[in-house]
Amino acid sequence: MLTGKQKRHLRALGHSLKPLILIGKKEIEEALVAETVAALDFHELVKVKLLESCMLDKHEASTMLAEACNAEVAQVVGKTFLLYRPATTPVITLPKNDTSTKGKQS
C-alpha cells in the first residue's frame, strides 16, 4: 500500500509521462493486461489513458487493471491514471514512511 507521500512522489514523476497504454472499446482483456504487465516490468510507472470509446468508469478501469497486473493506482485524473509496480531491481526510489519523529516532543 502506497502512502500519501509516496503517491505524491509518483504523481510528480508521472506528470511528464505520455500514456503507454490506451483502453478503448475492447476494454480490459488478456492482451491489454499482458501489455501493461510488460510495460510495468520495464518502466515501473505507467500512464494509462481511457479513450472516448471505452464504456468503463475511470475508477473501475484503474482498479480492474491494477488488480490484474498486481500493481497500485498512484493517481486518477480525468481520463488518465498512473499505475505503479516496483521491478525486481527497482529504479524508482520511493520516500520512506518516517513516522518515528512525528508527534514527539523533546
PDB file of N, CA and C in Angstrom:
ATOM      1  N   MET A   1       0.838  -1.182   0.000  1.00  0.00           N
ATOM      2  CA  MET A   1       0.000   0.000   0.000  1.00  0.00           C
ATOM      3  C   MET A   1       0.887   1.251   0.000  1.00  0.00           C
ATOM      4  N   LEU A   2       0.611   2.130  -0.910  1.00  0.00           N
ATOM      5  CA  LEU A   2       1.391   3.362  -1.012  1.00  0.00           C
ATOM      6  C   LEU A   2       0.894   4.393  -0.014  1.00  0.00           C
ATOM      7  N   THR A   3       1.823   5.114   0.583  1.00  0.00           N
ATOM      8  CA  THR A   3       1.454   6.207   1.488  1.00  0.00           C
ATOM      9  C   THR A   3       1.180   7.462   0.652  1.00  0.00           C
ATOM     10  N   GLY A   4       0.634   8.482   1.289  1.00  0.00           N
ATOM     11  CA  GLY A   4       0.360   9.731   0.600  1.00  0.00           C
ATOM     12  C   GLY A   4       1.617  10.383   0.054  1.00  0.00           C
ATOM     13  N   LYS A   5       2.686  10.318   0.835  1.00  0.00           N
ATOM     14  CA  LYS A   5       3.965  10.896   0.407  1.00  0.00           C
ATOM     15  C   LYS A   5       4.511  10.174  -0.822  1.00  0.00           C
ATOM     16  N   GLN A   6       4.379   8.849  -0.831  1.00  0.00           N
ATOM     17  CA  GLN A   6       4.854   8.057  -1.964  1.00  0.00           C
ATOM     18  C   GLN A   6       4.010   8.335  -3.208  1.00  0.00           C
ATOM     19  N   LYS A   7       2.696   8.457  -3.034  1.00  0.00           N
ATOM     20  CA  LYS A   7       1.824   8.772  -4.171  1.00  0.00           C
ATOM     21  C   LYS A   7       2.153  10.145  -4.741  1.00  0.00           C
ATOM     22  N   ARG A   8       2.421  11.116  -3.880  1.00  0.00           N
ATOM     23  CA  ARG A   8       2.811  12.450  -4.328  1.00  0.00           C
ATOM     24  C   ARG A   8       4.085  12.395  -5.167  1.00  0.00           C
ATOM     25  N   HIS A   9       5.040  11.603  -4.708  1.00  0.00           N
ATOM     26  CA  HIS A   9       6.307  11.438  -5.430  1.00  0.00           C
ATOM     27  C   HIS A   9       6.058  10.814  -6.809  1.00  0.00           C
ATOM     28  N   LEU A  10       5.235   9.781  -6.859  1.00  0.00           N
ATOM     29  CA  LEU A  10       4.934   9.114  -8.129  1.00  0.00           C
ATOM     30  C   LEU A  10       4.152  10.034  -9.067  1.00  0.00           C
ATOM     31  N   ARG A  11       3.231  10.827  -8.521  1.00  0.00           N
ATOM     32  CA  ARG A  11       2.482  11.781  -9.348  1.00  0.00           C
ATOM     33  C   ARG A  11       3.429  12.794  -9.992  1.00  0.00           C
ATOM     34  N   ALA A  12       4.409  13.253  -9.226  1.00  0.00           N
ATOM     35  CA  ALA A  12       5.389  14.206  -9.760  1.00  0.00           C
ATOM     36  C   ALA A  12       6.201  13.571 -10.892  1.00  0.00           C
ATOM     37  N   LEU A  13       6.590  12.308 -10.717  1.00  0.00           N
ATOM     38  CA  LEU A  13       7.341  11.609 -11.756  1.00  0.00           C
ATOM     39  C   LEU A  13       6.474  11.335 -12.989  1.00  0.00           C
ATOM     40  N   GLY A  14       5.211  11.045 -12.761  1.00  0.00           N
ATOM     41  CA  GLY A  14       4.312  10.687 -13.852  1.00  0.00           C
ATOM     42  C   GLY A  14       3.762  11.859 -14.629  1.00  0.00           C
ATOM     43  N   HIS A  15       3.940  13.065 -14.112  1.00  0.00           N
ATOM     44  CA  HIS A  15       3.369  14.243 -14.768  1.00  0.00           C
ATOM     45  C   HIS A  15       3.848  14.398 -16.212  1.00  0.00           C
ATOM     46  N   SER A  16       5.096  14.165 -16.459  1.00  0.00           N
ATOM     47  CA  SER A  16       5.658  14.377 -17.798  1.00  0.00           C
ATOM     48  C   SER A  16       5.554  13.151 -18.703  1.00  0.00           C
ATOM     49  N   LEU A  17       5.056  12.031 -18.185  1.00  0.00           N
ATOM     50  CA  LEU A  17       4.957  10.812 -18.988  1.00  0.00           C
ATOM     51  C   LEU A  17       3.850  10.913 -20.026  1.00  0.00           C
ATOM     52  N   LYS A  18       4.042  10.234 -21.125  1.00  0.00           N
ATOM     53  CA  LYS A  18       2.992  10.097 -22.132  1.00  0.00           C
ATOM     54  C   LYS A  18       2.317   8.742 -21.890  1.00  0.00           C
ATOM     55  N   PRO A  19       1.002   8.641 -22.186  1.00  0.00           N
ATOM     56  CA  PRO A  19       0.308   7.363 -21.974  1.00  0.00           C
ATOM     57  C   PRO A  19       0.914   6.254 -22.833  1.00  0.00           C
ATOM     58  N   LEU A  20       1.269   5.150 -22.181  1.00  0.00           N
ATOM     59  CA  LEU A  20       1.798   3.988 -22.894  1.00  0.00           C
ATOM     60  C   LEU A  20       0.688   2.996 -23.229  1.00  0.00           C
ATOM     61  N   ILE A  21      -0.346   2.979 -22.410  1.00  0.00           N
ATOM     62  CA  ILE A  21      -1.450   2.041 -22.580  1.00  0.00           C
ATOM     63  C   ILE A  21      -2.720   2.830 -22.855  1.00  0.00           C
ATOM     64  N   LEU A  22      -3.454   2.424 -23.891  1.00  0.00           N
ATOM     65  CA  LEU A  22      -4.724   3.061 -24.234  1.00  0.00           C
ATOM     66  C   LEU A  22      -5.833   2.019 -24.121  1.00  0.00           C
ATOM     67  N   ILE A  23      -6.889   2.358 -23.400  1.00  0.00           N
ATOM     68  CA  ILE A  23      -8.019   1.448 -23.239  1.00  0.00           C
ATOM     69  C   ILE A  23      -9.157   1.964 -24.102  1.00  0.00           C
ATOM     70  N   GLY A  24      -9.581   1.152 -25.067  1.00  0.00           N
ATOM     71  CA  GLY A  24     -10.636   1.530 -25.994  1.00  0.00           C
ATOM     72  C   GLY A  24     -11.892   0.699 -25.815  1.00  0.00           C
ATOM     73  N   LYS A  25     -12.585   0.453 -26.927  1.00  0.00           N
ATOM     74  CA  LYS A  25     -13.875  -0.231 -26.852  1.00  0.00           C
ATOM     75  C   LYS A  25     -13.765  -1.698 -26.473  1.00  0.00           C
ATOM     76  N   LYS A  26     -12.604  -2.316 -26.663  1.00  0.00           N
ATOM     77  CA  LYS A  26     -12.438  -3.708 -26.232  1.00  0.00           C
ATOM     78  C   LYS A  26     -12.251  -3.803 -24.728  1.00  0.00           C
ATOM     79  N   GLU A  27     -12.015  -2.671 -24.112  1.00  0.00           N
ATOM     80  CA  GLU A  27     -11.836  -2.536 -22.666  1.00  0.00           C
ATOM     81  C   GLU A  27     -10.693  -3.403 -22.166  1.00  0.00           C
ATOM     82  N   ILE A  28     -10.832  -4.019 -20.994  1.00  0.00           N
ATOM     83  CA  ILE A  28      -9.712  -4.739 -20.384  1.00  0.00           C
ATOM     84  C   ILE A  28      -9.817  -6.229 -20.718  1.00  0.00           C
ATOM     85  N   GLU A  29      -8.889  -6.683 -21.542  1.00  0.00           N
ATOM     86  CA  GLU A  29      -8.827  -8.095 -21.917  1.00  0.00           C
ATOM     87  C   GLU A  29      -7.407  -8.595 -21.694  1.00  0.00           C
ATOM     88  N   GLU A  30      -7.198  -9.879 -21.963  1.00  0.00           N
ATOM     89  CA  GLU A  30      -5.897 -10.509 -21.674  1.00  0.00           C
ATOM     90  C   GLU A  30      -4.724  -9.822 -22.366  1.00  0.00           C
ATOM     91  N   ALA A  31      -4.899  -9.440 -23.618  1.00  0.00           N
ATOM     92  CA  ALA A  31      -3.809  -8.808 -24.363  1.00  0.00           C
ATOM     93  C   ALA A  31      -3.427  -7.469 -23.730  1.00  0.00           C
ATOM     94  N   LEU A  32      -4.408  -6.708 -23.291  1.00  0.00           N
ATOM     95  CA  LEU A  32      -4.141  -5.419 -22.652  1.00  0.00           C
ATOM     96  C   LEU A  32      -3.424  -5.619 -21.321  1.00  0.00           C
ATOM     97  N   VAL A  33      -3.844  -6.608 -20.563  1.00  0.00           N
ATOM     98  CA  VAL A  33      -3.194  -6.910 -19.285  1.00  0.00           C
ATOM     99  C   VAL A  33      -1.749  -7.337 -19.519  1.00  0.00           C
ATOM    100  N   ALA A  34      -1.516  -8.181 -20.514  1.00  0.00           N
ATOM    101  CA  ALA A  34      -0.154  -8.635 -20.828  1.00  0.00           C
ATOM    102  C   ALA A  34       0.729  -7.465 -21.239  1.00  0.00           C
ATOM    103  N   GLU A  35       0.197  -6.558 -22.043  1.00  0.00           N
ATOM    104  CA  GLU A  35       0.954  -5.375 -22.478  1.00  0.00           C
ATOM    105  C   GLU A  35       1.276  -4.463 -21.292  1.00  0.00           C
ATOM    106  N   THR A  36       0.314  -4.317 -20.389  1.00  0.00           N
ATOM    107  CA  THR A  36       0.516  -3.481 -19.206  1.00  0.00           C
ATOM    108  C   THR A  36       1.557  -4.096 -18.279  1.00  0.00           C
ATOM    109  N   VAL A  37       1.503  -5.408 -18.099  1.00  0.00           N
ATOM    110  CA  VAL A  37       2.495  -6.095 -17.267  1.00  0.00           C
ATOM    111  C   VAL A  37       3.893  -5.902 -17.846  1.00  0.00           C
ATOM    112  N   ALA A  38       4.020  -6.030 -19.159  1.00  0.00           N
ATOM    113  CA  ALA A  38       5.324  -5.840 -19.804  1.00  0.00           C
ATOM    114  C   ALA A  38       5.816  -4.400 -19.619  1.00  0.00           C
ATOM    115  N   ALA A  39       4.906  -3.434 -19.744  1.00  0.00           N
ATOM    116  CA  ALA A  39       5.280  -2.033 -19.563  1.00  0.00           C
ATOM    117  C   ALA A  39       5.693  -1.763 -18.116  1.00  0.00           C
ATOM    118  N   LEU A  40       4.980  -2.342 -17.160  1.00  0.00           N
ATOM    119  CA  LEU A  40       5.325  -2.169 -15.746  1.00  0.00           C
ATOM    120  C   LEU A  40       6.664  -2.823 -15.415  1.00  0.00           C
ATOM    121  N   ASP A  41       6.930  -3.975 -16.023  1.00  0.00           N
ATOM    122  CA  ASP A  41       8.217  -4.646 -15.807  1.00  0.00           C
ATOM    123  C   ASP A  41       9.376  -3.755 -16.262  1.00  0.00           C
ATOM    124  N   PHE A  42       9.171  -3.033 -17.342  1.00  0.00           N
ATOM    125  CA  PHE A  42      10.237  -2.211 -17.905  1.00  0.00           C
ATOM    126  C   PHE A  42      10.313  -0.826 -17.268  1.00  0.00           C
ATOM    127  N   HIS A  43       9.156  -0.188 -17.039  1.00  0.00           N
ATOM    128  CA  HIS A  43       9.133   1.207 -16.603  1.00  0.00           C
ATOM    129  C   HIS A  43       8.799   1.428 -15.126  1.00  0.00           C
ATOM    130  N   GLU A  44       8.124   0.498 -14.473  1.00  0.00           N
ATOM    131  CA  GLU A  44       7.649   0.610 -13.086  1.00  0.00           C
ATOM    132  C   GLU A  44       6.463   1.560 -12.932  1.00  0.00           C
ATOM    133  N   LEU A  45       6.478   2.691 -13.615  1.00  0.00           N
ATOM    134  CA  LEU A  45       5.404   3.678 -13.528  1.00  0.00           C
ATOM    135  C   LEU A  45       4.861   3.895 -14.931  1.00  0.00           C
ATOM    136  N   VAL A  46       3.550   3.635 -15.107  1.00  0.00           N
ATOM    137  CA  VAL A  46       2.945   3.668 -16.433  1.00  0.00           C
ATOM    138  C   VAL A  46       1.696   4.548 -16.397  1.00  0.00           C
ATOM    139  N   LYS A  47       1.575   5.402 -17.410  1.00  0.00           N
ATOM    140  CA  LYS A  47       0.373   6.219 -17.557  1.00  0.00           C
ATOM    141  C   LYS A  47      -0.566   5.510 -18.523  1.00  0.00           C
ATOM    142  N   VAL A  48      -1.843   5.408 -18.115  1.00  0.00           N
ATOM    143  CA  VAL A  48      -2.868   4.725 -18.909  1.00  0.00           C
ATOM    144  C   VAL A  48      -3.961   5.744 -19.234  1.00  0.00           C
ATOM    145  N   LYS A  49      -4.440   5.716 -20.470  1.00  0.00           N
ATOM    146  CA  LYS A  49      -5.493   6.645 -20.881  1.00  0.00           C
ATOM    147  C   LYS A  49      -6.723   5.887 -21.351  1.00  0.00           C
ATOM    148  N   LEU A  50      -7.888   6.356 -20.915  1.00  0.00           N
ATOM    149  CA  LEU A  50      -9.163   5.809 -21.384  1.00  0.00           C
ATOM    150  C   LEU A  50      -9.600   6.608 -22.602  1.00  0.00           C
ATOM    151  N   LEU A  51      -9.860   5.917 -23.699  1.00  0.00           N
ATOM    152  CA  LEU A  51     -10.341   6.589 -24.902  1.00  0.00           C
ATOM    153  C   LEU A  51     -11.843   6.834 -24.788  1.00  0.00           C
ATOM    154  N   GLU A  52     -12.356   7.678 -25.655  1.00  0.00           N
ATOM    155  CA  GLU A  52     -13.787   8.013 -25.631  1.00  0.00           C
ATOM    156  C   GLU A  52     -14.662   6.782 -25.847  1.00  0.00           C
ATOM    157  N   SER A  53     -14.161   5.798 -26.587  1.00  0.00           N
ATOM    158  CA  SER A  53     -14.951   4.606 -26.891  1.00  0.00           C
ATOM    159  C   SER A  53     -15.049   3.630 -25.715  1.00  0.00           C
ATOM    160  N   CYS A  54     -14.274   3.844 -24.680  1.00  0.00           N
ATOM    161  CA  CYS A  54     -14.301   2.961 -23.512  1.00  0.00           C
ATOM    162  C   CYS A  54     -15.530   3.262 -22.665  1.00  0.00           C
ATOM    163  N   MET A  55     -16.284   2.229 -22.334  1.00  0.00           N
ATOM    164  CA  MET A  55     -17.513   2.407 -21.566  1.00  0.00           C
ATOM    165  C   MET A  55     -17.300   2.265 -20.056  1.00  0.00           C
ATOM    166  N   LEU A  56     -16.097   1.901 -19.638  1.00  0.00           N
ATOM    167  CA  LEU A  56     -15.809   1.740 -18.217  1.00  0.00           C
ATOM    168  C   LEU A  56     -15.619   3.087 -17.537  1.00  0.00           C
ATOM    169  N   ASP A  57     -15.964   3.149 -16.261  1.00  0.00           N
ATOM    170  CA  ASP A  57     -15.686   4.312 -15.432  1.00  0.00           C
ATOM    171  C   ASP A  57     -14.181   4.336 -15.152  1.00  0.00           C
ATOM    172  N   LYS A  58     -13.619   5.534 -15.005  1.00  0.00           N
ATOM    173  CA  LYS A  58     -12.163   5.650 -14.809  1.00  0.00           C
ATOM    174  C   LYS A  58     -11.691   4.943 -13.545  1.00  0.00           C
ATOM    175  N   HIS A  59     -12.460   5.008 -12.465  1.00  0.00           N
ATOM    176  CA  HIS A  59     -12.061   4.343 -11.222  1.00  0.00           C
ATOM    177  C   HIS A  59     -12.204   2.826 -11.345  1.00  0.00           C
ATOM    178  N   GLU A  60     -13.268   2.393 -12.015  1.00  0.00           N
ATOM    179  CA  GLU A  60     -13.478   0.966 -12.237  1.00  0.00           C
ATOM    180  C   GLU A  60     -12.358   0.384 -13.100  1.00  0.00           C
ATOM    181  N   ALA A  61     -12.005   1.088 -14.175  1.00  0.00           N
ATOM    182  CA  ALA A  61     -10.950   0.615 -15.075  1.00  0.00           C
ATOM    183  C   ALA A  61      -9.604   0.575 -14.367  1.00  0.00           C
ATOM    184  N   SER A  62      -9.294   1.626 -13.586  1.00  0.00           N
ATOM    185  CA  SER A  62      -7.996   1.660 -12.906  1.00  0.00           C
ATOM    186  C   SER A  62      -7.892   0.534 -11.873  1.00  0.00           C
ATOM    187  N   THR A  63      -8.957   0.291 -11.149  1.00  0.00           N
ATOM    188  CA  THR A  63      -8.953  -0.781 -10.144  1.00  0.00           C
ATOM    189  C   THR A  63      -8.825  -2.149 -10.796  1.00  0.00           C
ATOM    190  N   MET A  64      -9.598  -2.379 -11.861  1.00  0.00           N
ATOM    191  CA  MET A  64      -9.560  -3.682 -12.543  1.00  0.00           C
ATOM    192  C   MET A  64      -8.176  -3.966 -13.124  1.00  0.00           C
ATOM    193  N   LEU A  65      -7.592  -2.975 -13.783  1.00  0.00           N
ATOM    194  CA  LEU A  65      -6.286  -3.178 -14.411  1.00  0.00           C
ATOM    195  C   LEU A  65      -5.183  -3.318 -13.361  1.00  0.00           C
ATOM    196  N   ALA A  66      -5.269  -2.549 -12.292  1.00  0.00           N
ATOM    197  CA  ALA A  66      -4.269  -2.650 -11.220  1.00  0.00           C
ATOM    198  C   ALA A  66      -4.299  -4.032 -10.580  1.00  0.00           C
ATOM    199  N   GLU A  67      -5.492  -4.537 -10.314  1.00  0.00           N
ATOM    200  CA  GLU A  67      -5.606  -5.876  -9.711  1.00  0.00           C
ATOM    201  C   GLU A  67      -5.104  -6.950 -10.663  1.00  0.00           C
ATOM    202  N   ALA A  68      -5.420  -6.816 -11.953  1.00  0.00           N
ATOM    203  CA  ALA A  68      -4.993  -7.814 -12.934  1.00  0.00           C
ATOM    204  C   ALA A  68      -3.478  -7.828 -13.100  1.00  0.00           C
ATOM    205  N   CYS A  69      -2.835  -6.676 -12.899  1.00  0.00           N
ATOM    206  CA  CYS A  69      -1.378  -6.564 -13.081  1.00  0.00           C
ATOM    207  C   CYS A  69      -0.613  -6.613 -11.772  1.00  0.00           C
ATOM    208  N   ASN A  70      -1.307  -6.764 -10.662  1.00  0.00           N
ATOM    209  CA  ASN A  70      -0.688  -6.760  -9.339  1.00  0.00           C
ATOM    210  C   ASN A  70       0.073  -5.453  -9.108  1.00  0.00           C
ATOM    211  N   ALA A  71      -0.574  -4.341  -9.469  1.00  0.00           N
ATOM    212  CA  ALA A  71       0.023  -3.012  -9.344  1.00  0.00           C
ATOM    213  C   ALA A  71      -0.841  -2.156  -8.420  1.00  0.00           C
ATOM    214  N   GLU A  72      -0.410  -0.927  -8.197  1.00  0.00           N
ATOM    215  CA  GLU A  72      -1.168   0.014  -7.378  1.00  0.00           C
ATOM    216  C   GLU A  72      -1.470   1.263  -8.189  1.00  0.00           C
ATOM    217  N   VAL A  73      -2.641   1.832  -7.932  1.00  0.00           N
ATOM    218  CA  VAL A  73      -3.034   3.066  -8.597  1.00  0.00           C
ATOM    219  C   VAL A  73      -2.417   4.224  -7.825  1.00  0.00           C
ATOM    220  N   ALA A  74      -1.615   5.032  -8.505  1.00  0.00           N
ATOM    221  CA  ALA A  74      -0.970   6.173  -7.860  1.00  0.00           C
ATOM    222  C   ALA A  74      -1.783   7.445  -8.035  1.00  0.00           C
ATOM    223  N   GLN A  75      -2.563   7.541  -9.120  1.00  0.00           N
ATOM    224  CA  GLN A  75      -3.319   8.751  -9.393  1.00  0.00           C
ATOM    225  C   GLN A  75      -4.386   8.469 -10.440  1.00  0.00           C
ATOM    226  N   VAL A  76      -5.534   9.126 -10.286  1.00  0.00           N
ATOM    227  CA  VAL A  76      -6.578   9.120 -11.307  1.00  0.00           C
ATOM    228  C   VAL A  76      -6.959  10.570 -11.553  1.00  0.00           C
ATOM    229  N   VAL A  77      -6.750  11.045 -12.779  1.00  0.00           N
ATOM    230  CA  VAL A  77      -7.098  12.413 -13.143  1.00  0.00           C
ATOM    231  C   VAL A  77      -7.741  12.389 -14.523  1.00  0.00           C
ATOM    232  N   GLY A  78      -8.928  12.927 -14.633  1.00  0.00           N
ATOM    233  CA  GLY A  78      -9.617  12.953 -15.916  1.00  0.00           C
ATOM    234  C   GLY A  78      -9.770  11.555 -16.465  1.00  0.00           C
ATOM    235  N   LYS A  79      -9.330  11.352 -17.681  1.00  0.00           N
ATOM    236  CA  LYS A  79      -9.415  10.039 -18.316  1.00  0.00           C
ATOM    237  C   LYS A  79      -8.080   9.295 -18.290  1.00  0.00           C
ATOM    238  N   THR A  80      -7.159   9.725 -17.427  1.00  0.00           N
ATOM    239  CA  THR A  80      -5.868   9.054 -17.323  1.00  0.00           C
ATOM    240  C   THR A  80      -5.611   8.631 -15.885  1.00  0.00           C
ATOM    241  N   PHE A  81      -4.799   7.597 -15.735  1.00  0.00           N
ATOM    242  CA  PHE A  81      -4.378   7.168 -14.398  1.00  0.00           C
ATOM    243  C   PHE A  81      -2.979   6.595 -14.459  1.00  0.00           C
ATOM    244  N   LEU A  82      -2.319   6.600 -13.300  1.00  0.00           N
ATOM    245  CA  LEU A  82      -0.960   6.085 -13.171  1.00  0.00           C
ATOM    246  C   LEU A  82      -0.982   4.769 -12.422  1.00  0.00           C
ATOM    247  N   LEU A  83      -0.268   3.795 -12.939  1.00  0.00           N
ATOM    248  CA  LEU A  83      -0.092   2.517 -12.260  1.00  0.00           C
ATOM    249  C   LEU A  83       1.375   2.377 -11.876  1.00  0.00           C
ATOM    250  N   TYR A  84       1.609   1.827 -10.679  1.00  0.00           N
ATOM    251  CA  TYR A  84       2.975   1.629 -10.199  1.00  0.00           C
ATOM    252  C   TYR A  84       3.130   0.207  -9.682  1.00  0.00           C
ATOM    253  N   ARG A  85       4.228  -0.407 -10.078  1.00  0.00           N
ATOM    254  CA  ARG A  85       4.624  -1.703  -9.526  1.00  0.00           C
ATOM    255  C   ARG A  85       6.139  -1.750  -9.526  1.00  0.00           C
ATOM    256  N   PRO A  86       6.757  -1.937  -8.346  1.00  0.00           N
ATOM    257  CA  PRO A  86       8.225  -1.970  -8.307  1.00  0.00           C
ATOM    258  C   PRO A  86       8.774  -3.167  -9.079  1.00  0.00           C
ATOM    259  N   ALA A  87       9.864  -2.955  -9.777  1.00  0.00           N
ATOM    260  CA  ALA A  87      10.536  -4.024 -10.521  1.00  0.00           C
ATOM    261  C   ALA A  87      11.344  -4.884  -9.545  1.00  0.00           C
ATOM    262  N   THR A  88      11.880  -5.992 -10.046  1.00  0.00           N
ATOM    263  CA  THR A  88      12.697  -6.856  -9.189  1.00  0.00           C
ATOM    264  C   THR A  88      13.937  -6.111  -8.705  1.00  0.00           C
ATOM    265  N   THR A  89      14.499  -5.266  -9.569  1.00  0.00           N
ATOM    266  CA  THR A  89      15.555  -4.340  -9.148  1.00  0.00           C
ATOM    267  C   THR A  89      15.003  -2.931  -9.371  1.00  0.00           C
ATOM    268  N   PRO A  90      14.404  -2.328  -8.355  1.00  0.00           N
ATOM    269  CA  PRO A  90      13.701  -1.053  -8.515  1.00  0.00           C
ATOM    270  C   PRO A  90      14.605   0.074  -9.015  1.00  0.00           C
ATOM    271  N   VAL A  91      14.059   0.872  -9.926  1.00  0.00           N
ATOM    272  CA  VAL A  91      14.739   2.045 -10.443  1.00  0.00           C
ATOM    273  C   VAL A  91      14.232   3.283  -9.706  1.00  0.00           C
ATOM    274  N   ILE A  92      12.931   3.303  -9.431  1.00  0.00           N
ATOM    275  CA  ILE A  92      12.318   4.421  -8.727  1.00  0.00           C
ATOM    276  C   ILE A  92      12.482   4.207  -7.230  1.00  0.00           C
ATOM    277  N   THR A  93      13.027   5.199  -6.552  1.00  0.00           N
ATOM    278  CA  THR A  93      13.192   5.132  -5.103  1.00  0.00           C
ATOM    279  C   THR A  93      12.068   5.932  -4.459  1.00  0.00           C
ATOM    280  N   LEU A  94      11.229   5.231  -3.714  1.00  0.00           N
ATOM    281  CA  LEU A  94      10.106   5.890  -3.030  1.00  0.00           C
ATOM    282  C   LEU A  94      10.563   6.466  -1.702  1.00  0.00           C
ATOM    283  N   PRO A  95       9.947   7.589  -1.290  1.00  0.00           N
ATOM    284  CA  PRO A  95      10.268   8.134   0.033  1.00  0.00           C
ATOM    285  C   PRO A  95       9.850   7.149   1.127  1.00  0.00           C
ATOM    286  N   LYS A  96      10.619   7.103   2.177  1.00  0.00           N
ATOM    287  CA  LYS A  96      10.304   6.235   3.314  1.00  0.00           C
ATOM    288  C   LYS A  96       9.157   6.842   4.106  1.00  0.00           C
ATOM    289  N   ASN A  97       8.388   5.981   4.727  1.00  0.00           N
ATOM    290  CA  ASN A  97       7.295   6.420   5.592  1.00  0.00           C
ATOM    291  C   ASN A  97       7.856   6.578   6.991  1.00  0.00           C
ATOM    292  N   ASP A  98       8.401   7.747   7.299  1.00  0.00           N
ATOM    293  CA  ASP A  98       9.065   8.006   8.573  1.00  0.00           C
ATOM    294  C   ASP A  98       8.080   8.603   9.574  1.00  0.00           C
ATOM    295  N   THR A  99       7.520   7.750  10.422  1.00  0.00           N
ATOM    296  CA  THR A  99       6.576   8.223  11.436  1.00  0.00           C
ATOM    297  C   THR A  99       7.206   8.246  12.815  1.00  0.00           C
ATOM    298  N   SER A 100       8.502   7.885  12.911  1.00  0.00           N
ATOM    299  CA  SER A 100       9.149   7.784  14.211  1.00  0.00           C
ATOM    300  C   SER A 100       9.338   9.146  14.880  1.00  0.00           C
ATOM    301  N   THR A 101       9.491  10.216  14.094  1.00  0.00           N
ATOM    302  CA  THR A 101       9.733  11.527  14.681  1.00  0.00           C
ATOM    303  C   THR A 101       8.483  12.399  14.738  1.00  0.00           C
ATOM    304  N   LYS A 102       7.407  11.958  14.129  1.00  0.00           N
ATOM    305  CA  LYS A 102       6.195  12.766  14.132  1.00  0.00           C
ATOM    306  C   LYS A 102       5.496  12.684  15.477  1.00  0.00           C
ATOM    307  N   GLY A 103       5.060  13.798  15.951  1.00  0.00           N
ATOM    308  CA  GLY A 103       4.281  13.829  17.177  1.00  0.00           C
ATOM    309  C   GLY A 103       5.106  13.745  18.458  1.00  0.00           C
ATOM    310  N   LYS A 104       6.416  13.595  18.358  1.00  0.00           N
ATOM    311  CA  LYS A 104       7.263  13.502  19.540  1.00  0.00           C
ATOM    312  C   LYS A 104       7.815  14.871  19.891  1.00  0.00           C
ATOM    313  N   GLN A 105       7.837  15.147  21.149  1.00  0.00           N
ATOM    314  CA  GLN A 105       8.431  16.397  21.613  1.00  0.00           C
ATOM    315  C   GLN A 105       9.625  16.090  22.496  1.00  0.00           C
ATOM    316  N   SER A 106      10.659  16.909  22.412  1.00  0.00           N
ATOM    317  CA  SER A 106      11.849  16.659  23.234  1.00  0.00           C
ATOM    318  C   SER A 106      11.841  17.470  24.489  1.00  0.00           C
TER     319      SER A 106
END
